[in-house]
């Protein structure tokens, strides 16, 4: 069994299917990614991740989200996720960034998806 802290082994063993680091303020820009072809800005705090076809086998994948607080006020707002009604398919995932019910853009959003591949 691989050490979960060894990301290179997870990638080499094909456990990490998709990941992306992107800027969510102003014009959305992907800094680095694996298997994410684009990120669409769908309004304040709302983004759609588009995946390479065939990267993920079904919708039972796990999603881990982390983002940078843009206010630089020593608070960490890390409420990034998706609702049951949001798109979660083998080619797309809609995520939202909120705090106490208000949507926010973030200067850095990181998503890692682990699941089974085709």
Protein backbone atom coordinates (compact mmCIF):
# COMPACT_ATOMS: atom_id res chain seq x y z
CA UNK A 1 0.00 0.00 0.00
CA UNK A 2 1.32 3.44 -0.88
CA UNK A 3 1.99 6.20 1.59
CA UNK A 4 -0.85 8.73 1.18
CA UNK A 5 1.63 11.54 1.76
CA UNK A 6 3.63 10.55 -1.32
CA UNK A 7 1.81 12.48 -4.06
CA UNK A 8 4.16 11.33 -6.81
CA UNK A 9 3.33 7.70 -5.99
CA UNK A 10 -0.37 8.52 -6.01
CA UNK A 11 -0.01 10.07 -9.47
CA UNK A 12 2.22 7.27 -10.79
CA UNK A 13 -0.21 4.65 -9.49
CA UNK A 14 -2.99 6.63 -11.20
CA UNK A 15 -4.92 7.32 -7.98
CA UNK A 16 -5.10 11.11 -8.41
CA UNK A 17 -7.30 11.55 -11.48
CA UNK A 18 -7.53 15.32 -11.67
CA UNK A 19 -6.11 18.33 -9.91
CA UNK A 20 -6.03 22.04 -10.58
CA UNK A 21 -4.62 25.23 -9.08
CA UNK A 22 -6.33 28.31 -10.51
CA UNK A 23 -6.90 32.02 -9.92
CA UNK A 24 -10.58 32.67 -9.26
CA UNK A 25 -10.47 36.49 -9.25
CA UNK A 26 -10.69 38.69 -12.33
CA UNK A 27 -10.05 36.54 -15.38
CA UNK A 28 -9.89 32.90 -14.28
CA UNK A 29 -6.45 31.45 -15.03
CA UNK A 30 -5.30 27.84 -14.56
CA UNK A 31 -1.80 27.92 -13.07
CA UNK A 32 -1.18 24.16 -13.17
CA UNK A 33 -3.41 21.15 -13.65
CA UNK A 34 -3.72 17.48 -14.49
CA UNK A 35 -6.77 16.41 -16.49
CA UNK A 36 -8.63 19.73 -16.09
CA UNK A 37 -9.02 21.31 -19.54
CA UNK A 38 -10.62 24.58 -18.48
CA UNK A 39 -12.32 26.46 -15.65
CA UNK A 40 -15.37 28.57 -16.43
CA UNK A 41 -16.27 31.57 -14.25
CA UNK A 42 -20.02 31.24 -13.59
CA UNK A 43 -20.39 34.29 -11.34
CA UNK A 44 -18.98 35.36 -7.99
CA UNK A 45 -17.63 32.31 -6.17
CA UNK A 46 -19.00 29.89 -8.80
CA UNK A 47 -16.79 27.91 -11.15
CA UNK A 48 -17.20 24.97 -13.52
CA UNK A 49 -14.24 22.60 -13.94
CA UNK A 50 -14.14 20.78 -17.28
CA UNK A 51 -12.27 17.46 -17.44
CA UNK A 52 -10.47 15.54 -20.16
CA UNK A 53 -12.74 12.84 -21.52
CA UNK A 54 -11.98 9.43 -20.00
CA UNK A 55 -10.06 10.70 -16.92
CA UNK A 56 -12.71 9.50 -14.48
CA UNK A 57 -14.96 6.42 -14.75
CA UNK A 58 -18.00 7.45 -12.71
CA UNK A 59 -19.35 10.17 -10.42
CA UNK A 60 -18.39 8.43 -7.17
CA UNK A 61 -15.10 10.34 -6.96
CA UNK A 62 -13.84 12.22 -3.92
CA UNK A 63 -13.23 15.96 -4.12
CA UNK A 64 -10.86 17.89 -1.86
CA UNK A 65 -11.00 21.70 -2.03
CA UNK A 66 -8.79 24.39 -0.53
CA UNK A 67 -8.57 28.08 -1.31
CA UNK A 68 -6.67 31.19 -0.28
CA UNK A 69 -8.46 33.97 1.57
CA UNK A 70 -8.04 37.16 -0.44
CA UNK A 71 -8.51 39.59 2.45
CA UNK A 72 -5.15 38.97 4.16
CA UNK A 73 -6.82 39.46 7.54
CA UNK A 74 -5.62 36.23 9.18
CA UNK A 75 -8.96 34.48 8.68
CA UNK A 76 -9.23 31.40 6.54
CA UNK A 77 -12.44 31.04 4.56
CA UNK A 78 -12.38 27.54 3.17
CA UNK A 79 -16.00 26.81 2.35
CA UNK A 80 -15.55 25.45 -1.15
CA UNK A 81 -17.71 22.59 -2.32
CA UNK A 82 -20.83 21.70 -4.25
CA UNK A 83 -24.54 21.25 -3.62
CA UNK A 84 -26.52 18.13 -4.45
CA UNK A 85 -28.10 19.98 -7.38
CA UNK A 86 -24.73 21.13 -8.80
CA UNK A 87 -23.21 19.43 -11.84
CA UNK A 88 -21.02 16.46 -10.88
CA UNK A 89 -20.32 14.29 -13.88
CA UNK A 90 -17.42 12.40 -15.44
CA UNK A 91 -16.60 15.49 -17.54
CA UNK A 92 -17.54 18.41 -15.31
CA UNK A 93 -17.80 19.64 -11.73
CA UNK A 94 -19.41 22.85 -10.49
CA UNK A 95 -17.90 24.25 -7.28
CA UNK A 96 -18.90 27.17 -5.10
CA UNK A 97 -16.96 29.27 -2.60
CA UNK A 98 -19.11 30.76 0.16
CA UNK A 99 -18.85 32.10 3.68
CA UNK A 100 -21.97 32.48 5.83
CA UNK A 101 -24.17 32.28 2.74
CA UNK A 102 -22.27 34.88 0.69
CA UNK A 103 -20.33 33.92 -2.44
CA UNK A 104 -16.71 35.04 -2.80
CA UNK A 105 -14.03 34.84 -5.47
CA UNK A 106 -10.63 33.59 -4.35
CA UNK A 107 -7.13 34.44 -5.61
CA UNK A 108 -6.16 30.76 -5.40
CA UNK A 109 -8.35 27.66 -5.52
CA UNK A 110 -6.96 24.12 -5.37
CA UNK A 111 -9.01 21.03 -6.24
CA UNK A 112 -7.87 17.40 -6.09
CA UNK A 113 -10.10 14.58 -7.36
CA UNK A 114 -9.45 10.95 -6.50
CA UNK A 115 -11.44 8.14 -8.08
CA UNK A 116 -11.42 5.32 -10.56
CA UNK A 117 -10.35 5.80 -14.14
CA UNK A 118 -11.38 4.25 -17.38
